Amino acid sequence: MMSHEIRTPLNAVIGLTKLLLEENPRVDQLENLEAIEGSSRNLHLLINDILDYNRILNGKVEIVKNVFSPEKIVRRLYKSIRPLVLKKGLEFKLEINSQIPELVIGDAEKLDQVLYKLLDNAIKFTQDGFIQLSISTVLQDQNCTIRFSVQDSGVGIPQRDCERIFEYFTQVRSDIARTAEGSGLGLSITKKLIELQGGKLKVESEVGKGSVFQFYIPYSITPINSAKDQNNIGSKSIDKEALRGLKVLLAEDNRVNVMVARKFLRKWHIEVDVAANGAVAVEMVTKKRYDLILMDLHMLEMGGIEATEQIRN
């Protein structure tokens, strides 16, 4: 419930800011919008960290086993983060060992989350030089251990603090903490997520010369021909023109959420109808065939879970 209530207004801020940035704002407006975008991004990361921290403390984190491509996750992250690295004037290197299995069984979403946190940290604490993302593997029959490395030429960490940085709410570089926003939760959450997957995270660093964060996670290897139902994060590139004419039902009772979602959907030439609650959504589905239903969980009269059960029945 708290996650839902916190994210609802933030969703509007992030979504509307993105739309405004894409609508060719004036130069004087651009600076303000970029400031809003940066602040909302930092707030989004902070909220994610606090919610993850709460889930970890209460033992609510579940490790999901699905089939995915580690290389595709790494390449997608490299592509999405590269503009941020280049904007800061840094070189972004990518090294992928040719022996990486095409498909493995593990938690793709957790891997994506861990790599993003480490890369975000590297960008935050590096002013000059480079950032490098590397992936290699050790093969063992039908199992493998994949090693990931995020290296930077940033400010570095004193040797005595290399273990303390993994403690909750800890920022060891107080001299730069004021300019690098953060909760002090990111690395502690990252370490815990890696350990929950059977892996281990370590850091090597020297003040003024940068840091190397390395971790490994064991995976099972899956034959390509047996992975028909694979869950590859970032494996497909969708042409927005392919969305034209799709019929979407949006079940949502928050007026601002409806406005943001409708603007994005219409921008992609998608036909969108709106249901104010789950009961209305169930009735509308009996009268019209939709390609997709975007269903809010918490709505008056009937929530999304009950509505989805009735629609499937």
Protein backbone atom coordinates (compact mmCIF):
# COMPACT_ATOMS: atom_id res chain seq x y z
CA MET A 1 0.00 0.00 0.00
CA MET A 2 2.80 2.44 0.90
CA SER A 3 4.61 1.61 -2.32
CA HIS A 4 1.43 2.34 -4.27
CA GLU A 5 0.67 5.61 -2.48
CA ILE A 6 4.25 6.91 -2.77
CA ARG A 7 4.68 6.00 -6.43
CA THR A 8 1.37 7.43 -7.64
CA PRO A 9 2.30 11.15 -7.41
CA LEU A 10 5.90 10.45 -8.43
CA ASN A 11 4.64 8.65 -11.53
CA ALA A 12 2.88 11.85 -12.59
CA VAL A 13 5.97 14.02 -12.03
CA ILE A 14 8.28 11.70 -13.98
CA GLY A 15 5.80 10.97 -16.77
CA LEU A 16 4.71 14.54 -17.44
CA THR A 17 8.29 15.83 -17.27
CA LYS A 18 9.35 13.28 -19.87
CA LEU A 19 6.48 14.31 -22.14
CA LEU A 20 7.33 18.00 -21.80
CA LEU A 21 11.00 17.34 -22.61
CA GLU A 22 9.93 15.57 -25.81
CA GLU A 23 7.79 18.50 -26.95
CA ASN A 24 10.65 20.84 -27.95
CA PRO A 25 10.60 23.18 -24.93
CA ARG A 26 12.11 26.68 -25.09
CA VAL A 27 15.71 27.04 -23.92
CA ASP A 28 14.62 28.76 -20.69
CA GLN A 29 12.11 25.98 -20.03
CA LEU A 30 14.62 23.22 -20.79
CA GLU A 31 16.84 24.05 -17.81
CA ASN A 32 13.88 23.88 -15.42
CA LEU A 33 12.57 20.64 -16.88
CA GLU A 34 15.99 18.97 -16.73
CA ALA A 35 16.25 20.00 -13.07
CA ILE A 36 12.83 18.44 -12.36
CA GLU A 37 13.84 15.30 -14.25
CA GLY A 38 17.09 14.95 -12.29
CA SER A 39 15.40 15.56 -8.93
CA SER A 40 12.55 13.14 -9.64
CA ARG A 41 15.07 10.50 -10.77
CA ASN A 42 16.97 10.86 -7.48
CA LEU A 43 13.71 10.68 -5.53
CA HIS A 44 12.70 7.58 -7.47
CA LEU A 45 16.00 5.86 -6.63
CA LEU A 46 15.66 6.85 -2.97
CA ILE A 47 12.12 5.46 -2.73
CA ASN A 48 13.22 2.22 -4.41
CA ASP A 49 16.07 1.87 -1.92
CA ILE A 50 13.82 2.45 1.11
CA LEU A 51 11.19 -0.02 -0.13
CA ASP A 52 13.87 -2.63 -0.96
CA TYR A 53 15.46 -2.11 2.47
CA ASN A 54 12.09 -2.72 4.12
CA ARG A 55 11.49 -5.89 2.10
CA ILE A 56 14.95 -7.25 2.93
CA LEU A 57 14.55 -6.55 6.67
CA ASN A 58 11.22 -8.39 6.67
CA GLY A 59 12.44 -11.32 4.57
CA LYS A 60 10.04 -10.48 1.74
CA VAL A 61 12.54 -10.61 -1.13
CA GLU A 62 11.88 -13.56 -3.43
CA ILE A 63 14.43 -14.92 -5.89
CA VAL A 64 12.66 -15.84 -9.12
CA LYS A 65 14.00 -18.52 -11.44
CA ASN A 66 13.51 -17.76 -15.12
CA VAL A 67 15.40 -18.24 -18.39
CA PHE A 68 17.27 -15.19 -19.64
CA SER A 69 20.33 -14.01 -21.54
CA PRO A 70 23.01 -12.37 -19.33
CA GLU A 71 24.65 -10.80 -22.38
CA LYS A 72 21.42 -9.15 -23.48
CA ILE A 73 20.88 -7.67 -20.03
CA VAL A 74 24.42 -6.26 -20.03
CA ARG A 75 24.09 -4.84 -23.54
CA ARG A 76 20.71 -3.28 -22.77
CA LEU A 77 22.10 -1.60 -19.65
CA TYR A 78 25.14 -0.38 -21.56
CA LYS A 79 22.93 1.13 -24.24
CA SER A 80 20.53 2.82 -21.80
CA ILE A 81 23.21 4.22 -19.46
CA ARG A 82 25.73 5.23 -22.14
CA PRO A 83 24.12 8.67 -22.78
CA LEU A 84 24.49 9.56 -19.07
CA VAL A 85 28.16 8.53 -19.10
CA LEU A 86 28.92 10.45 -22.29
CA LYS A 87 27.05 13.52 -21.04
CA LYS A 88 29.48 13.62 -18.13
CA GLY A 89 32.42 13.45 -20.53
CA LEU A 90 33.48 9.94 -19.51
CA GLU A 91 34.55 6.98 -21.63
CA PHE A 92 32.29 3.92 -21.31
CA LYS A 93 33.91 0.54 -21.99
CA LEU A 94 32.19 -2.82 -22.36
CA GLU A 95 33.94 -6.21 -22.24
CA ILE A 96 32.00 -9.45 -22.78
CA ASN A 97 33.74 -12.83 -22.72
CA SER A 98 32.85 -14.97 -25.73
CA GLN A 99 32.18 -18.02 -23.51
CA ILE A 100 29.16 -16.47 -21.76
CA PRO A 101 26.24 -18.96 -22.08
CA GLU A 102 23.45 -17.65 -24.27
CA LEU A 103 20.76 -18.68 -21.79
CA VAL A 104 20.86 -19.36 -18.04
CA ILE A 105 18.33 -19.92 -15.26
CA GLY A 106 18.21 -17.29 -12.53
CA ASP A 107 16.67 -13.99 -11.46
CA ALA A 108 17.02 -11.64 -14.42
CA GLU A 109 15.34 -8.70 -12.70
CA LYS A 110 17.62 -8.85 -9.64
CA LEU A 111 20.71 -8.97 -11.86
CA ASP A 112 19.46 -5.95 -13.80
CA GLN A 113 18.84 -4.10 -10.52
CA VAL A 114 22.28 -4.90 -9.08
CA LEU A 115 24.17 -3.86 -12.21
CA TYR A 116 22.17 -0.64 -12.48
CA LYS A 117 22.98 0.32 -8.87
CA LEU A 118 26.69 -0.31 -9.34
CA LEU A 119 26.82 1.61 -12.62
CA ASP A 120 24.82 4.48 -11.14
CA ASN A 121 27.32 4.69 -8.26
CA ALA A 122 30.26 4.65 -10.68
CA ILE A 123 28.78 7.55 -12.65
CA LYS A 124 28.00 9.47 -9.48
CA PHE A 125 31.54 9.30 -8.08
CA THR A 126 33.55 9.67 -11.30
CA GLN A 127 34.35 13.11 -12.67
CA ASP A 128 37.10 12.26 -15.18
CA GLY A 129 38.30 9.18 -17.03
CA PHE A 130 36.26 6.06 -17.65
CA ILE A 131 33.74 3.47 -16.49
CA GLN A 132 34.04 -0.15 -17.56
CA LEU A 133 31.47 -2.95 -17.40
CA SER A 134 32.87 -6.47 -17.81
CA ILE A 135 31.34 -9.96 -17.79
CA SER A 136 33.13 -13.32 -17.85
CA THR A 137 32.33 -16.90 -16.85
CA VAL A 138 33.63 -20.16 -15.45
CA LEU A 139 31.84 -23.14 -17.05
CA GLN A 140 31.12 -26.38 -15.15
CA ASP A 141 29.04 -28.91 -17.13
CA GLN A 142 25.43 -27.70 -16.89
CA ASN A 143 26.31 -24.95 -14.40
CA CYS A 144 28.35 -21.79 -14.61
CA THR A 145 29.58 -18.97 -12.41
CA ILE A 146 29.27 -15.60 -14.10
CA ARG A 147 31.51 -12.80 -12.89
CA PHE A 148 30.56 -9.15 -13.32
CA SER A 149 32.81 -6.16 -12.80
CA VAL A 150 32.12 -2.42 -12.69
CA GLN A 151 35.32 -0.37 -12.69
CA ASP A 152 35.72 3.40 -12.56
CA SER A 153 38.46 6.02 -12.33
CA GLY A 154 36.58 8.01 -9.70
CA VAL A 155 37.31 9.37 -6.24
CA GLY A 156 38.01 5.98 -4.69
CA ILE A 157 37.43 4.68 -1.18
CA PRO A 158 39.92 4.58 1.71
CA GLN A 159 41.06 1.00 2.40
CA ARG A 160 39.77 1.14 5.98
CA ASP A 161 36.25 1.92 4.70
CA CYS A 162 35.94 -0.78 2.03
CA GLU A 163 33.81 -2.95 4.34
CA ARG A 164 31.87 -0.11 5.96
CA ILE A 165 30.35 0.98 2.65
CA PHE A 166 28.14 -2.12 2.72
CA GLU A 167 26.52 -1.11 6.02
CA TYR A 168 22.99 0.33 5.94
CA PHE A 169 22.74 4.16 5.79
CA THR A 170 26.50 4.58 5.46
CA GLN A 171 28.34 7.10 3.26
CA VAL A 172 32.07 7.04 3.96
CA ARG A 173 33.03 10.03 1.81
CA SER A 174 31.40 12.88 3.73
CA ASP A 175 33.36 15.38 1.64
CA ILE A 176 31.33 14.50 -1.47
CA ALA A 177 28.13 13.13 0.05
CA ARG A 178 26.55 16.57 -0.11
CA THR A 179 26.87 16.72 -3.91
CA ALA A 180 26.16 13.04 -4.64
CA GLU A 181 22.60 12.35 -3.58
CA GLY A 182 21.90 9.01 -1.97
CA SER A 183 20.43 7.22 1.01
CA GLY A 184 23.48 5.18 1.98
CA LEU A 185 21.38 2.09 1.21
CA GLY A 186 22.36 1.28 -2.36
CA LEU A 187 25.47 -0.83 -1.77
CA SER A 188 24.06 -2.64 1.27
CA ILE A 189 20.96 -3.60 -0.72
CA THR A 190 23.11 -4.63 -3.69
CA LYS A 191 25.30 -6.87 -1.51
CA LYS A 192 22.25 -8.53 0.05
CA LEU A 193 20.56 -9.15 -3.34
CA ILE A 194 23.74 -10.80 -4.65
CA GLU A 195 24.06 -13.00 -1.55
CA LEU A 196 20.41 -14.07 -1.83
CA GLN A 197 21.29 -15.43 -5.29
CA GLY A 198 24.22 -17.42 -3.91
CA GLY A 199 26.86 -14.91 -4.96
CA LYS A 200 29.41 -12.61 -3.35
CA LEU A 201 30.37 -8.95 -3.81
CA LYS A 202 33.78 -7.42 -3.10
CA VAL A 203 35.46 -4.08 -3.76
CA GLU A 204 39.02 -3.00 -4.47
CA SER A 205 39.67 0.71 -4.31
CA GLU A 206 42.31 3.40 -3.86
CA VAL A 207 41.64 7.05 -3.09
CA GLY A 208 42.07 9.19 -6.19
CA LYS A 209 42.47 6.21 -8.52
CA GLY A 210 39.02 4.67 -8.63
CA SER A 211 37.22 1.49 -7.62
CA VAL A 212 36.44 -1.98 -8.91
CA PHE A 213 33.25 -3.68 -7.71
CA GLN A 214 33.23 -7.38 -8.62
CA PHE A 215 30.62 -10.01 -7.93
CA TYR A 216 29.76 -13.50 -9.08
CA ILE A 217 26.46 -15.40 -9.25
CA PRO A 218 26.07 -19.15 -9.95
CA TYR A 219 23.57 -20.11 -12.66
CA SER A 220 22.30 -23.23 -14.39
CA ILE A 221 22.85 -23.37 -18.14
CA THR A 222 19.78 -23.93 -20.32
CA PRO A 223 19.91 -25.40 -23.84
CA ILE A 224 18.64 -22.83 -26.33
CA ASN A 225 16.08 -25.15 -27.92
CA SER A 226 14.41 -25.87 -24.55
CA ALA A 227 13.91 -22.23 -23.66
CA LYS A 228 10.80 -21.34 -25.60
CA ASP A 229 9.30 -19.37 -22.71
CA GLN A 230 12.35 -17.30 -21.88
CA ASN A 231 12.16 -14.00 -20.01
CA ASN A 232 14.84 -11.86 -21.63
CA ILE A 233 14.94 -8.40 -20.15
CA GLY A 234 15.73 -5.99 -22.93
CA SER A 235 15.88 -8.70 -25.57
CA LYS A 236 13.37 -7.16 -27.94
CA SER A 237 13.35 -3.78 -29.61
CA ILE A 238 9.78 -2.63 -30.22
CA ASP A 239 9.00 -0.38 -33.17
CA LYS A 240 6.51 2.19 -31.93
CA GLU A 241 4.73 2.04 -35.28
CA ALA A 242 3.90 -1.59 -34.49
CA LEU A 243 1.74 -0.32 -31.61
CA ARG A 244 -0.48 1.75 -33.90
CA GLY A 245 -4.13 0.72 -33.71
CA LEU A 246 -3.81 -1.50 -30.63
CA LYS A 247 -6.90 -1.39 -28.39
CA VAL A 248 -6.05 -0.85 -24.73
CA LEU A 249 -8.31 -0.66 -21.70
CA LEU A 250 -6.92 1.43 -18.82
CA ALA A 251 -8.55 0.59 -15.48
CA GLU A 252 -7.46 3.40 -13.17
CA ASP A 253 -9.24 5.64 -10.65
CA ASN A 254 -6.54 8.31 -10.23
CA ARG A 255 -7.23 11.26 -12.51
CA VAL A 256 -3.56 12.25 -12.92
CA ASN A 257 -2.47 8.68 -13.65
CA VAL A 258 -5.17 8.46 -16.31
CA MET A 259 -3.94 11.69 -17.90
CA VAL A 260 -0.29 10.57 -17.98
CA ALA A 261 -1.02 7.08 -19.30
CA ARG A 262 -3.46 8.35 -21.91
CA LYS A 263 -0.93 10.90 -23.24
CA PHE A 264 1.74 8.22 -23.71
CA LEU A 265 -0.66 5.72 -25.28
CA ARG A 266 -2.10 8.25 -27.71
CA LYS A 267 1.39 9.41 -28.63
CA TRP A 268 2.03 5.84 -29.77
CA HIS A 269 -1.27 5.90 -31.76
CA ILE A 270 -2.94 3.42 -29.43
CA GLU A 271 -6.72 3.44 -28.99
CA VAL A 272 -7.39 3.76 -25.25
CA ASP A 273 -10.60 3.46 -23.23
CA VAL A 274 -10.74 4.22 -19.50
CA ALA A 275 -12.59 2.34 -16.75
CA ALA A 276 -12.95 4.16 -13.42
CA ASN A 277 -12.86 0.94 -11.39
CA GLY A 278 -12.68 -2.84 -11.69
CA ALA A 279 -16.43 -3.36 -11.97
CA VAL A 280 -16.62 -1.00 -14.96
CA ALA A 281 -13.61 -2.74 -16.54
CA VAL A 282 -15.34 -6.14 -16.28
CA GLU A 283 -18.46 -4.74 -17.95
CA MET A 284 -16.48 -3.04 -20.75
CA VAL A 285 -14.58 -6.23 -21.56
CA THR A 286 -17.87 -8.04 -22.23
CA LYS A 287 -18.72 -5.46 -24.90
CA LYS A 288 -15.38 -4.95 -26.66
CA ARG A 289 -12.26 -6.99 -27.42
CA TYR A 290 -9.03 -5.42 -26.10
CA ASP A 291 -5.43 -6.32 -26.97
CA LEU A 292 -4.21 -5.26 -23.53
CA ILE A 293 -5.64 -4.22 -20.16
CA LEU A 294 -3.61 -1.99 -17.84
CA MET A 295 -5.12 -2.75 -14.43
CA ASP A 296 -4.66 -0.71 -11.26
CA LEU A 297 -4.60 -2.83 -8.09
CA HIS A 298 -6.38 -0.51 -5.63
CA MET A 299 -9.69 0.96 -6.81
CA LEU A 300 -13.03 1.74 -5.18
CA GLU A 301 -15.96 -0.71 -5.63
CA MET A 302 -13.73 -3.40 -7.14
CA GLY A 303 -9.92 -3.67 -7.13
CA GLY A 304 -7.72 -4.91 -9.95
CA ILE A 305 -7.08 -8.41 -8.62
CA GLU A 306 -10.77 -9.26 -8.29
CA ALA A 307 -11.53 -7.65 -11.65
CA THR A 308 -8.75 -9.64 -13.34
CA GLU A 309 -10.05 -12.90 -11.88
CA GLN A 310 -13.56 -12.17 -13.21
CA ILE A 311 -12.24 -11.18 -16.66
CA ARG A 312 -10.16 -14.35 -16.94
CA ASN A 313 -13.13 -16.47 -15.89
